[in-house]
Amino acid sequence: MTRPDGREPDLVTVLHALGDPVRLELVRRMAEDGESACSPDGVDVPRSTLSNHWRILREAGITETRRAGKARLMSLRRTDLDTRFPGLLAAVLAGGRR
């Protein structure tokens, strides 16, 4: 598992990326629905802020982006995350649902 810059993600970077409520919601949606459009319904933040959240998730190695025509679809790198940090994603996703 490598980040876009070619380096292995570290735990601090991943936890920082998952520590924001908006980014955590984006990750939850991808965990449930698979891919996400860059401007998903129900996320009430400015488009520029949303782009920044996606960048942080991508640079942390949490998401990957696929182009489909003009659209960009983001998906969770769940297998990579589970391999690198076993149980972390499941714990983070379950933690907010209590």
Protein backbone atom coordinates (compact mmCIF):
# COMPACT_ATOMS: atom_id res chain seq x y z
CA MET A 1 0.00 0.00 0.00
CA THR A 2 1.52 3.29 -1.05
CA ARG A 3 0.29 6.85 -1.04
CA PRO A 4 0.20 8.97 -4.20
CA ASP A 5 3.68 10.27 -3.31
CA GLY A 6 5.01 6.68 -3.31
CA ARG A 7 5.55 6.46 0.46
CA GLU A 8 3.93 4.00 2.84
CA PRO A 9 1.17 5.60 4.93
CA ASP A 10 1.92 6.00 8.60
CA LEU A 11 -0.57 5.61 11.41
CA VAL A 12 -0.43 9.28 12.46
CA THR A 13 -1.31 10.46 8.94
CA VAL A 14 -4.19 7.97 8.63
CA LEU A 15 -5.58 8.85 12.07
CA HIS A 16 -5.34 12.57 11.29
CA ALA A 17 -7.26 12.03 8.06
CA LEU A 18 -9.94 10.00 9.84
CA GLY A 19 -10.13 12.45 12.76
CA ASP A 20 -12.23 15.06 10.97
CA PRO A 21 -16.04 14.56 11.14
CA VAL A 22 -16.60 15.37 7.44
CA ARG A 23 -13.83 13.03 6.28
CA LEU A 24 -15.06 10.32 8.62
CA GLU A 25 -18.55 10.66 7.13
CA LEU A 26 -17.12 10.37 3.61
CA VAL A 27 -15.25 7.21 4.64
CA ARG A 28 -18.40 5.77 6.26
CA ARG A 29 -20.37 6.38 3.08
CA MET A 30 -17.73 4.67 0.94
CA ALA A 31 -17.60 1.74 3.37
CA GLU A 32 -21.36 1.31 2.99
CA ASP A 33 -21.95 2.31 -0.64
CA GLY A 34 -18.67 1.61 -2.44
CA GLU A 35 -17.73 4.50 -4.69
CA SER A 36 -18.62 8.10 -4.00
CA ALA A 37 -18.97 11.06 -6.33
CA CYS A 38 -16.77 14.01 -5.53
CA SER A 39 -19.83 16.00 -4.39
CA PRO A 40 -22.05 13.49 -2.59
CA ASP A 41 -25.59 14.41 -1.58
CA GLY A 42 -26.11 15.49 2.00
CA VAL A 43 -22.57 16.73 2.68
CA ASP A 44 -23.09 20.38 3.50
CA VAL A 45 -19.67 21.97 3.02
CA PRO A 46 -18.38 24.30 0.29
CA ARG A 47 -17.04 22.54 -2.78
CA SER A 48 -13.50 23.85 -2.19
CA THR A 49 -13.55 22.50 1.37
CA LEU A 50 -14.83 19.16 0.13
CA SER A 51 -11.99 19.00 -2.42
CA ASN A 52 -9.53 19.56 0.41
CA HIS A 53 -11.09 16.73 2.44
CA TRP A 54 -10.80 14.37 -0.55
CA ARG A 55 -7.15 15.41 -1.04
CA ILE A 56 -6.31 14.64 2.59
CA LEU A 57 -7.95 11.21 2.37
CA ARG A 58 -6.17 10.45 -0.92
CA GLU A 59 -2.76 11.62 0.30
CA ALA A 60 -3.13 9.56 3.48
CA GLY A 61 -3.63 6.46 1.32
CA ILE A 62 -7.23 5.95 2.45
CA THR A 63 -8.94 6.50 -0.91
CA GLU A 64 -8.27 6.08 -4.58
CA THR A 65 -9.83 8.00 -7.45
CA ARG A 66 -11.19 6.60 -10.68
CA ARG A 67 -12.16 8.70 -13.66
CA ALA A 68 -15.38 7.88 -15.48
CA GLY A 69 -15.71 10.38 -18.30
CA LYS A 70 -15.81 13.80 -16.65
CA ALA A 71 -16.73 12.35 -13.27
CA ARG A 72 -14.30 11.34 -10.57
CA LEU A 73 -15.32 8.53 -8.28
CA MET A 74 -13.61 7.90 -4.98
CA SER A 75 -13.40 4.53 -3.30
CA LEU A 76 -12.04 3.26 -0.02
CA ARG A 77 -8.78 1.30 -0.10
CA ARG A 78 -10.20 -1.04 2.51
CA THR A 79 -8.09 -4.10 1.68
CA ASP A 80 -4.89 -2.05 1.71
CA LEU A 81 -5.83 -0.38 4.99
CA ASP A 82 -6.79 -3.69 6.62
CA THR A 83 -3.49 -5.22 5.52
CA ARG A 84 -1.37 -2.31 6.75
CA PHE A 85 -3.39 -1.53 9.92
CA PRO A 86 -5.43 -4.65 10.83
CA GLY A 87 -8.72 -3.79 12.54
CA LEU A 88 -8.18 -0.03 12.50
CA LEU A 89 -10.81 0.86 9.94
CA ALA A 90 -13.41 -1.45 11.49
CA ALA A 91 -12.75 0.07 14.92
CA VAL A 92 -12.97 3.65 13.65
CA LEU A 93 -16.16 2.96 11.71
CA ALA A 94 -17.77 1.15 14.64
CA GLY A 95 -16.66 3.80 17.14
CA GLY A 96 -18.97 6.49 15.84
CA ARG A 97 -22.05 4.27 15.84
CA ARG A 98 -22.26 3.65 19.59
